[in-house]
Amino acid sequence: MHKEFDLTGKKAVVTGAGRGLGRDIAVGLARYGADVTLWSRTITELEETATLIRAQGRQAWIESIDLADIDRLEGAARRAAATMGRVDILVNNAGTNKPQPAEAVDALTWDTIMNVNTRGAFFCAQAFGKIMIEQQGGKIINMSSQAGKLASLNRAAYCASKGALDQFTRVLAYEWAKHNITVNAVAPTFVETSMTVNMFKDEAFTDYVFGKLRIKRFATMEEVTAAVIYLAGPGADIVTGHILYVDGGWTIH
């Protein structure tokens, strides 16, 4: 294994790790040597992810956490650090979305998306940031989206949530660099997962997406995970405050 990507002995936390992209990221971190604490709301899904990690000879721990419940985050972060001995990497992946035309967005949907994607993600980063300040080192990787930069049809609340996440990523990077903490984000285009497969059955929607992409296909989970592995590894020690687009060229224009 090239040392630039070697995570041997590192201790990581992945939120939203029960399925889809979060699961792929967690297993990917383990494949490169990390032990991983897994957070999401559903214990049975977390147990499945943990089994995949342990099959690679790495350790895995699970806890049921809803990022919208910010009062629990600091205590849970402290438990993870105590269990693992430290926290070297946080992948702030948990998120939610409900597409709606702007004129149809209701307050409950707006608040739900903001409470997870922005408020929860920020206070999760803050909780682990405090631990990393004490350690004088660590890496935080927030999961953003191309929607944080560009307008996307029927996603006013989602775009707003990810735009805010991009900005606090930059601010945390600016403030915490003196503590040897890097803070970055990965911003994919539409990714093929079990949760997005139904969207891609809509011919009008796929035509819209392919009309924007310069590389005419959806991203894969493995490609997004690869971006996370890069930012988590020593090869990216000087990279901070960066939004890494895995977007097939969508944000070029």
C-alpha atoms as a PDB file:
ATOM      1  CA  MET A   1       0.000   0.000   0.000  1.00  0.00           C
ATOM      2  CA  HIS A   2       1.320   3.455  -0.877  1.00  0.00           C
ATOM      3  CA  LYS A   3       2.012   5.478   2.270  1.00  0.00           C
ATOM      4  CA  GLU A   4      -0.003   8.445   0.941  1.00  0.00           C
ATOM      5  CA  PHE A   5      -3.196   6.410   1.423  1.00  0.00           C
ATOM      6  CA  ASP A   6      -2.173   4.257   4.393  1.00  0.00           C
ATOM      7  CA  LEU A   7      -4.666   4.486   7.289  1.00  0.00           C
ATOM      8  CA  THR A   8      -3.193   1.651   9.341  1.00  0.00           C
ATOM      9  CA  GLY A   9      -4.030   2.133  13.009  1.00  0.00           C
ATOM     10  CA  LYS A  10      -6.165   5.219  12.431  1.00  0.00           C
ATOM     11  CA  LYS A  11      -9.448   5.568  14.310  1.00  0.00           C
ATOM     12  CA  ALA A  12     -12.409   6.849  12.320  1.00  0.00           C
ATOM     13  CA  VAL A  13     -16.064   7.728  12.839  1.00  0.00           C
ATOM     14  CA  VAL A  14     -18.560   7.592   9.959  1.00  0.00           C
ATOM     15  CA  THR A  15     -22.078   8.960  10.328  1.00  0.00           C
ATOM     16  CA  GLY A  16     -24.912   7.588   8.226  1.00  0.00           C
ATOM     17  CA  ALA A  17     -22.888   4.367   8.026  1.00  0.00           C
ATOM     18  CA  GLY A  18     -25.743   1.870   7.930  1.00  0.00           C
ATOM     19  CA  ARG A  19     -26.211   1.684   4.169  1.00  0.00           C
ATOM     20  CA  GLY A  20     -25.443   3.187   0.797  1.00  0.00           C
ATOM     21  CA  LEU A  21     -22.565   5.608   0.502  1.00  0.00           C
ATOM     22  CA  GLY A  22     -21.906   5.715   4.254  1.00  0.00           C
ATOM     23  CA  ARG A  23     -21.448   1.962   4.353  1.00  0.00           C
ATOM     24  CA  ASP A  24     -19.129   2.002   1.345  1.00  0.00           C
ATOM     25  CA  ILE A  25     -17.017   4.762   2.917  1.00  0.00           C
ATOM     26  CA  ALA A  26     -16.777   2.960   6.258  1.00  0.00           C
ATOM     27  CA  VAL A  27     -15.721  -0.308   4.629  1.00  0.00           C
ATOM     28  CA  GLY A  28     -13.285   1.600   2.411  1.00  0.00           C
ATOM     29  CA  LEU A  29     -11.607   3.212   5.424  1.00  0.00           C
ATOM     30  CA  ALA A  30     -11.232  -0.236   6.980  1.00  0.00           C
ATOM     31  CA  ARG A  31      -9.783  -1.620   3.762  1.00  0.00           C
ATOM     32  CA  TYR A  32      -6.994   0.958   4.042  1.00  0.00           C
ATOM     33  CA  GLY A  33      -6.319   0.093   7.678  1.00  0.00           C
ATOM     34  CA  ALA A  34      -8.671   2.115   9.902  1.00  0.00           C
ATOM     35  CA  ASP A  35     -10.819   0.911  12.788  1.00  0.00           C
ATOM     36  CA  VAL A  36     -14.262   2.509  12.589  1.00  0.00           C
ATOM     37  CA  THR A  37     -17.085   3.633  14.857  1.00  0.00           C
ATOM     38  CA  LEU A  38     -20.367   3.553  12.941  1.00  0.00           C
ATOM     39  CA  TRP A  39     -23.272   5.901  13.561  1.00  0.00           C
ATOM     40  CA  SER A  40     -26.772   5.900  12.096  1.00  0.00           C
ATOM     41  CA  ARG A  41     -30.327   5.557  13.344  1.00  0.00           C
ATOM     42  CA  THR A  42     -30.825   1.854  12.538  1.00  0.00           C
ATOM     43  CA  ILE A  43     -28.874  -0.703  14.595  1.00  0.00           C
ATOM     44  CA  THR A  44     -29.568  -3.659  12.283  1.00  0.00           C
ATOM     45  CA  GLU A  45     -28.018  -1.826   9.335  1.00  0.00           C
ATOM     46  CA  LEU A  46     -25.018  -0.809  11.423  1.00  0.00           C
ATOM     47  CA  GLU A  47     -24.487  -4.437  12.448  1.00  0.00           C
ATOM     48  CA  GLU A  48     -24.329  -5.421   8.779  1.00  0.00           C
ATOM     49  CA  THR A  49     -21.702  -2.744   8.095  1.00  0.00           C
ATOM     50  CA  ALA A  50     -19.721  -3.792  11.162  1.00  0.00           C
ATOM     51  CA  THR A  51     -19.666  -7.397   9.931  1.00  0.00           C
ATOM     52  CA  LEU A  52     -18.139  -6.267   6.629  1.00  0.00           C
ATOM     53  CA  ILE A  53     -15.457  -4.292   8.461  1.00  0.00           C
ATOM     54  CA  ARG A  54     -14.580  -7.103  10.867  1.00  0.00           C
ATOM     55  CA  ALA A  55     -14.263  -9.480   7.920  1.00  0.00           C
ATOM     56  CA  GLN A  56     -11.294  -7.348   6.859  1.00  0.00           C
ATOM     57  CA  GLY A  57      -9.616  -7.805  10.218  1.00  0.00           C
ATOM     58  CA  ARG A  58     -10.447  -4.323  11.500  1.00  0.00           C
ATOM     59  CA  GLN A  59     -12.428  -3.319  14.582  1.00  0.00           C
ATOM     60  CA  ALA A  60     -15.896  -1.799  14.400  1.00  0.00           C
ATOM     61  CA  TRP A  61     -18.197  -0.299  17.015  1.00  0.00           C
ATOM     62  CA  ILE A  62     -21.799   0.833  16.542  1.00  0.00           C
ATOM     63  CA  GLU A  63     -24.138   3.366  18.119  1.00  0.00           C
ATOM     64  CA  SER A  64     -27.628   4.497  17.163  1.00  0.00           C
ATOM     65  CA  ILE A  65     -27.432   8.266  16.664  1.00  0.00           C
ATOM     66  CA  ASP A  66     -29.712  10.753  14.925  1.00  0.00           C
ATOM     67  CA  LEU A  67     -27.695  13.843  13.938  1.00  0.00           C
ATOM     68  CA  ALA A  68     -30.802  15.968  14.334  1.00  0.00           C
ATOM     69  CA  ASP A  69     -30.651  15.225  18.091  1.00  0.00           C
ATOM     70  CA  ILE A  70     -27.735  17.577  18.695  1.00  0.00           C
ATOM     71  CA  ASP A  71     -27.912  17.290  22.498  1.00  0.00           C
ATOM     72  CA  ARG A  72     -26.560  13.723  22.205  1.00  0.00           C
ATOM     73  CA  LEU A  73     -23.662  14.442  19.880  1.00  0.00           C
ATOM     74  CA  GLU A  74     -20.972  15.605  22.273  1.00  0.00           C
ATOM     75  CA  GLY A  75     -21.509  12.729  24.695  1.00  0.00           C
ATOM     76  CA  ALA A  76     -21.516  10.200  21.867  1.00  0.00           C
ATOM     77  CA  ALA A  77     -18.344  11.720  20.404  1.00  0.00           C
ATOM     78  CA  ARG A  78     -16.633  11.417  23.788  1.00  0.00           C
ATOM     79  CA  ARG A  79     -17.709   7.774  24.055  1.00  0.00           C
ATOM     80  CA  ALA A  80     -16.274   7.027  20.625  1.00  0.00           C
ATOM     81  CA  ALA A  81     -12.977   8.658  21.528  1.00  0.00           C
ATOM     82  CA  ALA A  82     -12.804   6.798  24.845  1.00  0.00           C
ATOM     83  CA  THR A  83     -13.596   3.456  23.205  1.00  0.00           C
ATOM     84  CA  MET A  84     -11.073   3.835  20.390  1.00  0.00           C
ATOM     85  CA  GLY A  85      -8.450   5.773  22.337  1.00  0.00           C
ATOM     86  CA  ARG A  86      -8.648   8.776  19.987  1.00  0.00           C
ATOM     87  CA  VAL A  87     -10.451   9.951  16.847  1.00  0.00           C
ATOM     88  CA  ASP A  88      -8.242  10.634  13.836  1.00  0.00           C
ATOM     89  CA  ILE A  89     -10.925  10.900  11.143  1.00  0.00           C
ATOM     90  CA  LEU A  90     -14.556  12.032  11.095  1.00  0.00           C
ATOM     91  CA  VAL A  91     -16.594  11.441   7.943  1.00  0.00           C
ATOM     92  CA  ASN A  92     -19.700  13.582   8.417  1.00  0.00           C
ATOM     93  CA  ASN A  93     -21.855  11.686   5.922  1.00  0.00           C
ATOM     94  CA  ALA A  94     -25.400  11.506   7.329  1.00  0.00           C
ATOM     95  CA  GLY A  95     -27.876  13.511   5.292  1.00  0.00           C
ATOM     96  CA  THR A  96     -31.402  13.680   4.001  1.00  0.00           C
ATOM     97  CA  ASN A  97     -33.349  15.113   1.087  1.00  0.00           C
ATOM     98  CA  LYS A  98     -36.925  15.468  -0.147  1.00  0.00           C
ATOM     99  CA  PRO A  99     -37.211  17.011  -3.629  1.00  0.00           C
ATOM    100  CA  GLN A 100     -39.968  19.617  -3.929  1.00  0.00           C
ATOM    101  CA  PRO A 101     -40.651  22.523  -6.282  1.00  0.00           C
ATOM    102  CA  ALA A 102     -39.735  25.767  -4.510  1.00  0.00           C
ATOM    103  CA  GLU A 103     -43.355  26.901  -4.336  1.00  0.00           C
ATOM    104  CA  ALA A 104     -44.307  23.634  -2.606  1.00  0.00           C
ATOM    105  CA  VAL A 105     -41.572  23.507   0.048  1.00  0.00           C
ATOM    106  CA  ASP A 106     -43.199  23.216   3.465  1.00  0.00           C
ATOM    107  CA  ALA A 107     -41.688  24.283   6.771  1.00  0.00           C
ATOM    108  CA  LEU A 108     -41.436  20.722   8.111  1.00  0.00           C
ATOM    109  CA  THR A 109     -39.416  19.564   5.089  1.00  0.00           C
ATOM    110  CA  TRP A 110     -37.185  22.645   5.238  1.00  0.00           C
ATOM    111  CA  ASP A 111     -36.500  22.140   8.951  1.00  0.00           C
ATOM    112  CA  THR A 112     -35.907  18.387   8.590  1.00  0.00           C
ATOM    113  CA  ILE A 113     -33.304  18.882   5.854  1.00  0.00           C
ATOM    114  CA  MET A 114     -31.577  21.744   7.655  1.00  0.00           C
ATOM    115  CA  ASN A 115     -31.593  19.948  11.007  1.00  0.00           C
ATOM    116  CA  VAL A 116     -29.655  16.997   9.605  1.00  0.00           C
ATOM    117  CA  ASN A 117     -27.607  18.356   6.693  1.00  0.00           C
ATOM    118  CA  THR A 118     -26.523  21.643   8.247  1.00  0.00           C
ATOM    119  CA  ARG A 119     -27.290  21.942  11.947  1.00  0.00           C
ATOM    120  CA  GLY A 120     -26.538  18.309  12.788  1.00  0.00           C
ATOM    121  CA  ALA A 121     -23.459  18.180  10.584  1.00  0.00           C
ATOM    122  CA  PHE A 122     -22.063  21.363  12.136  1.00  0.00           C
ATOM    123  CA  PHE A 123     -22.558  20.274  15.732  1.00  0.00           C
ATOM    124  CA  CYS A 124     -21.172  16.823  14.927  1.00  0.00           C
ATOM    125  CA  ALA A 125     -18.049  18.490  13.501  1.00  0.00           C
ATOM    126  CA  GLN A 126     -17.902  20.735  16.556  1.00  0.00           C
ATOM    127  CA  ALA A 127     -18.129  17.797  18.974  1.00  0.00           C
ATOM    128  CA  PHE A 128     -15.289  15.924  17.290  1.00  0.00           C
ATOM    129  CA  GLY A 129     -13.408  19.146  16.654  1.00  0.00           C
ATOM    130  CA  LYS A 130     -13.155  19.726  20.395  1.00  0.00           C
ATOM    131  CA  ILE A 131     -11.621  16.267  20.787  1.00  0.00           C
ATOM    132  CA  MET A 132      -9.209  16.870  17.912  1.00  0.00           C
ATOM    133  CA  ILE A 133      -8.161  20.214  19.407  1.00  0.00           C
ATOM    134  CA  GLU A 134      -7.271  18.382  22.625  1.00  0.00           C
ATOM    135  CA  GLN A 135      -5.346  15.800  20.570  1.00  0.00           C
ATOM    136  CA  GLN A 136      -3.778  18.536  18.421  1.00  0.00           C
ATOM    137  CA  GLY A 137      -4.635  16.737  15.221  1.00  0.00           C
ATOM    138  CA  GLY A 138      -7.325  15.142  13.097  1.00  0.00           C
ATOM    139  CA  LYS A 139      -9.207  15.160   9.813  1.00  0.00           C
ATOM    140  CA  ILE A 140     -12.839  16.099   9.262  1.00  0.00           C
ATOM    141  CA  ILE A 141     -14.467  15.257   5.931  1.00  0.00           C
ATOM    142  CA  ASN A 142     -17.959  16.615   5.398  1.00  0.00           C
ATOM    143  CA  MET A 143     -20.178  15.074   2.752  1.00  0.00           C
ATOM    144  CA  SER A 144     -21.480  17.867   0.553  1.00  0.00           C
ATOM    145  CA  SER A 145     -22.903  17.866  -2.977  1.00  0.00           C
ATOM    146  CA  GLN A 146     -22.541  19.722  -6.237  1.00  0.00           C
ATOM    147  CA  ALA A 147     -25.879  21.198  -5.119  1.00  0.00           C
ATOM    148  CA  GLY A 148     -23.927  23.262  -2.604  1.00  0.00           C
ATOM    149  CA  LYS A 149     -22.496  25.251  -5.520  1.00  0.00           C
ATOM    150  CA  LEU A 150     -25.086  25.065  -8.293  1.00  0.00           C
ATOM    151  CA  ALA A 151     -28.851  25.335  -8.466  1.00  0.00           C
ATOM    152  CA  SER A 152     -30.628  21.993  -8.808  1.00  0.00           C
ATOM    153  CA  LEU A 153     -34.244  21.545  -9.869  1.00  0.00           C
ATOM    154  CA  ASN A 154     -36.746  20.923  -7.064  1.00  0.00           C
ATOM    155  CA  ARG A 155     -34.053  21.047  -4.374  1.00  0.00           C
ATOM    156  CA  ALA A 156     -34.204  24.517  -2.829  1.00  0.00           C
ATOM    157  CA  ALA A 157     -33.862  23.275   0.757  1.00  0.00           C
ATOM    158  CA  TYR A 158     -31.190  20.716  -0.113  1.00  0.00           C
ATOM    159  CA  CYS A 159     -29.105  23.237  -2.072  1.00  0.00           C
ATOM    160  CA  ALA A 160     -29.363  25.722   0.796  1.00  0.00           C
ATOM    161  CA  SER A 161     -28.282  23.075   3.314  1.00  0.00           C
ATOM    162  CA  LYS A 162     -25.230  22.016   1.327  1.00  0.00           C
ATOM    163  CA  GLY A 163     -24.228  25.586   0.485  1.00  0.00           C
ATOM    164  CA  ALA A 164     -24.177  26.330   4.206  1.00  0.00           C
ATOM    165  CA  LEU A 165     -22.189  23.147   4.867  1.00  0.00           C
ATOM    166  CA  ASP A 166     -19.561  24.226   2.319  1.00  0.00           C
ATOM    167  CA  GLN A 167     -19.181  27.554   4.060  1.00  0.00           C
ATOM    168  CA  PHE A 168     -18.793  26.171   7.562  1.00  0.00           C
ATOM    169  CA  THR A 169     -16.303  23.656   6.169  1.00  0.00           C
ATOM    170  CA  ARG A 170     -14.138  26.584   5.062  1.00  0.00           C
ATOM    171  CA  VAL A 171     -14.547  28.427   8.368  1.00  0.00           C
ATOM    172  CA  LEU A 172     -13.612  25.369  10.460  1.00  0.00           C
ATOM    173  CA  ALA A 173     -10.586  24.788   8.229  1.00  0.00           C
ATOM    174  CA  TYR A 174      -9.559  28.421   8.741  1.00  0.00           C
ATOM    175  CA  GLU A 175      -9.974  28.347  12.521  1.00  0.00           C
ATOM    176  CA  TRP A 176      -8.614  24.883  13.296  1.00  0.00           C
ATOM    177  CA  ALA A 177      -5.538  24.673  11.052  1.00  0.00           C
ATOM    178  CA  LYS A 178      -3.458  25.908  14.011  1.00  0.00           C
ATOM    179  CA  HIS A 179      -4.466  22.712  15.837  1.00  0.00           C
ATOM    180  CA  ASN A 180      -3.235  20.469  12.977  1.00  0.00           C
ATOM    181  CA  ILE A 181      -6.820  19.719  11.973  1.00  0.00           C
ATOM    182  CA  THR A 182      -7.822  19.649   8.307  1.00  0.00           C
ATOM    183  CA  VAL A 183     -11.458  20.161   7.307  1.00  0.00           C
ATOM    184  CA  ASN A 184     -12.598  19.386   3.773  1.00  0.00           C
ATOM    185  CA  ALA A 185     -15.720  18.267   1.930  1.00  0.00           C
ATOM    186  CA  VAL A 186     -16.476  15.802  -0.856  1.00  0.00           C
ATOM    187  CA  ALA A 187     -19.172  16.986  -3.254  1.00  0.00           C
ATOM    188  CA  PRO A 188     -20.537  14.291  -5.586  1.00  0.00           C
ATOM    189  CA  THR A 189     -22.940  14.497  -8.453  1.00  0.00           C
ATOM    190  CA  PHE A 190     -25.821  11.996  -8.492  1.00  0.00           C
ATOM    191  CA  VAL A 191     -24.498   8.634  -7.261  1.00  0.00           C
ATOM    192  CA  GLU A 192     -25.803   5.176  -8.073  1.00  0.00           C
ATOM    193  CA  THR A 193     -27.108   3.749  -4.795  1.00  0.00           C
ATOM    194  CA  SER A 194     -30.113   1.724  -3.676  1.00  0.00           C
ATOM    195  CA  MET A 195     -31.677   5.014  -2.558  1.00  0.00           C
ATOM    196  CA  THR A 196     -31.349   6.778  -5.918  1.00  0.00           C
ATOM    197  CA  VAL A 197     -32.227   3.946  -8.288  1.00  0.00           C
ATOM    198  CA  ASN A 198     -35.878   4.996  -8.523  1.00  0.00           C
ATOM    199  CA  MET A 199     -34.919   8.540  -9.537  1.00  0.00           C
ATOM    200  CA  PHE A 200     -32.974   7.177 -12.469  1.00  0.00           C
ATOM    201  CA  LYS A 201     -36.062   5.363 -13.790  1.00  0.00           C
ATOM    202  CA  ASP A 202     -37.519   8.779 -14.668  1.00  0.00           C
ATOM    203  CA  GLU A 203     -36.437   9.364 -18.269  1.00  0.00           C
ATOM    204  CA  ALA A 204     -36.949  13.129 -18.113  1.00  0.00           C
ATOM    205  CA  PHE A 205     -34.823  13.336 -14.987  1.00  0.00           C
ATOM    206  CA  THR A 206     -31.981  11.258 -16.420  1.00  0.00           C
ATOM    207  CA  ASP A 207     -32.055  13.350 -19.613  1.00  0.00           C
ATOM    208  CA  TYR A 208     -31.725  16.483 -17.449  1.00  0.00           C
ATOM    209  CA  VAL A 209     -28.793  14.988 -15.527  1.00  0.00           C
ATOM    210  CA  PHE A 210     -26.951  13.731 -18.605  1.00  0.00           C
ATOM    211  CA  GLY A 211     -27.453  17.133 -20.217  1.00  0.00           C
ATOM    212  CA  LYS A 212     -25.391  18.665 -17.395  1.00  0.00           C
ATOM    213  CA  LEU A 213     -22.716  15.985 -16.997  1.00  0.00           C
ATOM    214  CA  ARG A 214     -19.658  16.202 -19.253  1.00  0.00           C
ATOM    215  CA  ILE A 215     -18.793  12.581 -18.437  1.00  0.00           C
ATOM    216  CA  LYS A 216     -22.083  10.976 -19.387  1.00  0.00           C
ATOM    217  CA  ARG A 217     -22.742   8.643 -16.486  1.00  0.00           C
ATOM    218  CA  PHE A 218     -23.592   8.757 -12.804  1.00  0.00           C
ATOM    219  CA  ALA A 219     -20.871   8.579 -10.174  1.00  0.00           C
ATOM    220  CA  THR A 220     -20.267   5.295  -8.374  1.00  0.00           C
ATOM    221  CA  MET A 221     -19.992   4.873  -4.631  1.00  0.00           C
ATOM    222  CA  GLU A 222     -16.445   3.585  -5.101  1.00  0.00           C
ATOM    223  CA  GLU A 223     -15.407   6.844  -6.787  1.00  0.00           C
ATOM    224  CA  VAL A 224     -16.805   8.931  -3.935  1.00  0.00           C
ATOM    225  CA  THR A 225     -15.165   6.660  -1.357  1.00  0.00           C
ATOM    226  CA  ALA A 226     -11.837   7.058  -3.172  1.00  0.00           C
ATOM    227  CA  ALA A 227     -12.073  10.836  -2.698  1.00  0.00           C
ATOM    228  CA  VAL A 228     -12.712  10.337   1.017  1.00  0.00           C
ATOM    229  CA  ILE A 229      -9.750   7.955   1.329  1.00  0.00           C
ATOM    230  CA  TYR A 230      -7.495  10.544  -0.300  1.00  0.00           C
ATOM    231  CA  LEU A 231      -8.578  13.330   2.070  1.00  0.00           C
ATOM    232  CA  ALA A 232      -8.318  11.000   5.090  1.00  0.00           C
ATOM    233  CA  GLY A 233      -4.794   9.876   4.248  1.00  0.00           C
ATOM    234  CA  PRO A 234      -1.363  11.445   4.785  1.00  0.00           C
ATOM    235  CA  GLY A 235      -1.146  12.384   1.114  1.00  0.00           C
ATOM    236  CA  ALA A 236      -3.672  15.165   1.809  1.00  0.00           C
ATOM    237  CA  ASP A 237      -2.088  16.540   4.995  1.00  0.00           C
ATOM    238  CA  ILE A 238      -1.693  19.997   3.420  1.00  0.00           C
ATOM    239  CA  VAL A 239      -5.181  20.077   1.896  1.00  0.00           C
ATOM    240  CA  THR A 240      -7.747  21.994   3.944  1.00  0.00           C
ATOM    241  CA  GLY A 241     -10.812  24.120   3.296  1.00  0.00           C
ATOM    242  CA  HIS A 242     -11.271  22.361  -0.044  1.00  0.00           C
ATOM    243  CA  ILE A 243     -14.503  21.167  -1.669  1.00  0.00           C
ATOM    244  CA  LEU A 244     -13.544  18.138  -3.794  1.00  0.00           C
ATOM    245  CA  TYR A 245     -16.066  17.730  -6.620  1.00  0.00           C
ATOM    246  CA  VAL A 246     -16.711  14.197  -7.862  1.00  0.00           C
ATOM    247  CA  ASP A 247     -19.158  15.440 -10.426  1.00  0.00           C
ATOM    248  CA  GLY A 248     -18.349  14.372 -13.982  1.00  0.00           C
ATOM    249  CA  GLY A 249     -17.640  17.989 -14.895  1.00  0.00           C
ATOM    250  CA  TRP A 250     -21.083  19.323 -13.936  1.00  0.00           C
ATOM    251  CA  THR A 251     -19.637  22.315 -12.047  1.00  0.00           C
ATOM    252  CA  ILE A 252     -17.367  23.367 -14.923  1.00  0.00           C
ATOM    253  CA  HIS A 253     -20.175  25.451 -16.437  1.00  0.00           C
END
